[in-house]
C-alpha atoms as a PDB file:
ATOM      1  CA  MET A   1      11.290  22.786 -20.137  1.00  0.00           C
ATOM      2  CA  ALA A   2      12.648  21.677 -23.150  1.00  0.00           C
ATOM      3  CA  ILE A   3      12.839  18.513 -24.807  1.00  0.00           C
ATOM      4  CA  ASN A   4      16.592  17.442 -26.444  1.00  0.00           C
ATOM      5  CA  LEU A   5      15.345  13.844 -28.251  1.00  0.00           C
ATOM      6  CA  LEU A   6      19.163  13.151 -28.285  1.00  0.00           C
ATOM      7  CA  ASN A   7      19.051  12.515 -24.192  1.00  0.00           C
ATOM      8  CA  ILE A   8      16.771  10.417 -23.942  1.00  0.00           C
ATOM      9  CA  GLU A   9      17.684   7.809 -21.885  1.00  0.00           C
ATOM     10  CA  PRO A  10      16.168   4.056 -22.178  1.00  0.00           C
ATOM     11  CA  HIS A  11      13.275   2.952 -19.646  1.00  0.00           C
ATOM     12  CA  LYS A  12      14.470   0.709 -16.931  1.00  0.00           C
ATOM     13  CA  VAL A  13      11.232  -1.586 -15.533  1.00  0.00           C
ATOM     14  CA  SER A  14      11.723  -2.051 -11.785  1.00  0.00           C
ATOM     15  CA  LYS A  15      12.157  -5.470 -10.486  1.00  0.00           C
ATOM     16  CA  ASP A  16       9.829  -5.316  -7.739  1.00  0.00           C
ATOM     17  CA  LEU A  17       6.083  -4.093  -7.912  1.00  0.00           C
ATOM     18  CA  SER A  18       7.052  -0.408  -5.409  1.00  0.00           C
ATOM     19  CA  GLY A  19       5.640   2.890  -7.184  1.00  0.00           C
ATOM     20  CA  TYR A  20       2.756   0.590  -8.584  1.00  0.00           C
ATOM     21  CA  ILE A  21      -0.978   0.542  -7.355  1.00  0.00           C
ATOM     22  CA  THR A  22      -1.960  -3.711  -8.041  1.00  0.00           C
ATOM     23  CA  TYR A  23      -5.390  -4.688  -7.553  1.00  0.00           C
ATOM     24  CA  ILE A  24      -5.817  -8.234  -6.073  1.00  0.00           C
ATOM     25  CA  TYR A  25      -9.717  -9.400  -6.676  1.00  0.00           C
ATOM     26  CA  GLY A  26     -10.840 -12.924  -6.067  1.00  0.00           C
ATOM     27  CA  ALA A  27     -13.252 -14.701  -4.141  1.00  0.00           C
ATOM     28  CA  PRO A  28     -14.051 -14.016  -0.290  1.00  0.00           C
ATOM     29  CA  LYS A  29     -11.677 -16.704   2.508  1.00  0.00           C
ATOM     30  CA  THR A  30      -8.414 -17.125  -0.936  1.00  0.00           C
ATOM     31  CA  GLY A  31      -5.877 -15.535   0.395  1.00  0.00           C
ATOM     32  CA  LYS A  32      -5.955 -12.219  -0.573  1.00  0.00           C
ATOM     33  CA  THR A  33      -5.326 -10.273   2.595  1.00  0.00           C
ATOM     34  CA  THR A  34      -3.151 -12.727   3.294  1.00  0.00           C
ATOM     35  CA  LEU A  35      -0.788 -12.003   0.003  1.00  0.00           C
ATOM     36  CA  ALA A  36      -1.069  -8.326   0.454  1.00  0.00           C
ATOM     37  CA  THR A  37       0.168  -8.694   3.981  1.00  0.00           C
ATOM     38  CA  GLN A  38       3.281 -10.068   2.784  1.00  0.00           C
ATOM     39  CA  MET A  39       4.148  -7.513   1.005  1.00  0.00           C
ATOM     40  CA  PRO A  40       7.393  -5.090   2.451  1.00  0.00           C
ATOM     41  CA  GLY A  41       6.446  -2.201   5.250  1.00  0.00           C
ATOM     42  CA  ALA A  42       2.959  -3.344   4.621  1.00  0.00           C
ATOM     43  CA  LEU A  43      -0.265  -1.165   6.744  1.00  0.00           C
ATOM     44  CA  LEU A  44      -3.683  -2.376   6.076  1.00  0.00           C
ATOM     45  CA  LEU A  45      -6.417   0.087   6.330  1.00  0.00           C
ATOM     46  CA  ALA A  46      -8.575  -2.594   7.571  1.00  0.00           C
ATOM     47  CA  PHE A  47     -12.385  -1.815   7.424  1.00  0.00           C
ATOM     48  CA  GLU A  48     -13.802  -5.069   8.747  1.00  0.00           C
ATOM     49  CA  PRO A  49     -11.917  -7.029  11.150  1.00  0.00           C
ATOM     50  CA  GLY A  50     -11.016  -9.829   9.251  1.00  0.00           C
ATOM     51  CA  TYR A  51      -7.058  -9.864   9.663  1.00  0.00           C
ATOM     52  CA  ASN A  52      -7.902 -11.025  13.473  1.00  0.00           C
ATOM     53  CA  ALA A  53      -6.494 -13.858  12.326  1.00  0.00           C
ATOM     54  CA  LEU A  54      -3.216 -13.032  10.984  1.00  0.00           C
ATOM     55  CA  PRO A  55      -0.155 -12.529  13.226  1.00  0.00           C
ATOM     56  CA  GLY A  56       2.204  -9.586  12.889  1.00  0.00           C
ATOM     57  CA  VAL A  57       0.051  -7.428  10.691  1.00  0.00           C
ATOM     58  CA  MET A  58      -0.029  -3.788  11.039  1.00  0.00           C
ATOM     59  CA  ALA A  59      -3.381  -3.248  11.054  1.00  0.00           C
ATOM     60  CA  GLN A  60      -5.562   0.639  11.638  1.00  0.00           C
ATOM     61  CA  ASP A  61      -8.977   0.126  12.049  1.00  0.00           C
ATOM     62  CA  ILE A  62     -11.461   2.447  10.279  1.00  0.00           C
ATOM     63  CA  THR A  63     -14.806   2.349  11.700  1.00  0.00           C
ATOM     64  CA  THR A  64     -16.086   5.915  10.078  1.00  0.00           C
ATOM     65  CA  TRP A  65     -14.764   8.373   7.274  1.00  0.00           C
ATOM     66  CA  GLY A  66     -13.564  11.201   9.995  1.00  0.00           C
ATOM     67  CA  GLU A  67     -10.711   8.193  10.547  1.00  0.00           C
ATOM     68  CA  MET A  68     -10.107   7.480   7.092  1.00  0.00           C
ATOM     69  CA  ARG A  69      -9.237  11.386   6.658  1.00  0.00           C
ATOM     70  CA  GLN A  70      -6.661  11.148   9.583  1.00  0.00           C
ATOM     71  CA  VAL A  71      -4.945   8.045   8.264  1.00  0.00           C
ATOM     72  CA  TYR A  72      -4.948   9.799   4.674  1.00  0.00           C
ATOM     73  CA  ARG A  73      -3.451  13.006   6.892  1.00  0.00           C
ATOM     74  CA  GLU A  74      -1.110  10.998   8.836  1.00  0.00           C
ATOM     75  CA  LEU A  75       0.206   9.281   5.703  1.00  0.00           C
ATOM     76  CA  LYS A  76       1.447  12.710   3.968  1.00  0.00           C
ATOM     77  CA  LYS A  77       3.890  12.951   6.749  1.00  0.00           C
ATOM     78  CA  PRO A  78       7.130  11.966   5.960  1.00  0.00           C
ATOM     79  CA  GLU A  79       8.020   9.355   8.539  1.00  0.00           C
ATOM     80  CA  VAL A  80       5.370   7.666   7.940  1.00  0.00           C
ATOM     81  CA  LYS A  81       5.718   7.466   4.451  1.00  0.00           C
ATOM     82  CA  ALA A  82       9.604   6.337   5.732  1.00  0.00           C
ATOM     83  CA  ALA A  83       7.597   3.517   7.846  1.00  0.00           C
ATOM     84  CA  TYR A  84       4.951   2.019   5.186  1.00  0.00           C
ATOM     85  CA  LYS A  85       5.952   0.423   1.873  1.00  0.00           C
ATOM     86  CA  SER A  86       2.784  -0.482   0.829  1.00  0.00           C
ATOM     87  CA  ILE A  87      -0.828   0.453   1.807  1.00  0.00           C
ATOM     88  CA  ILE A  88      -3.313  -2.093   2.069  1.00  0.00           C
END
């Protein structure tokens, strides 16, 4: 592909967090998971059962590396990509 500096368009900044990887860090019990599950189309990959007190959370328990590999395969499917916008 040839570079043409006369066809450059100004960069547009997204008004939401879609397309960005966000890292939330904090002390235990400060609401990190609660905040993250409020993102649009959130799917929580639960490596520990701490989400049990959060109503309405879409969560997949993961207890083995094999289950995580299955989740990775599922996340590549177009219908799964359409269903979830945020992976926690």
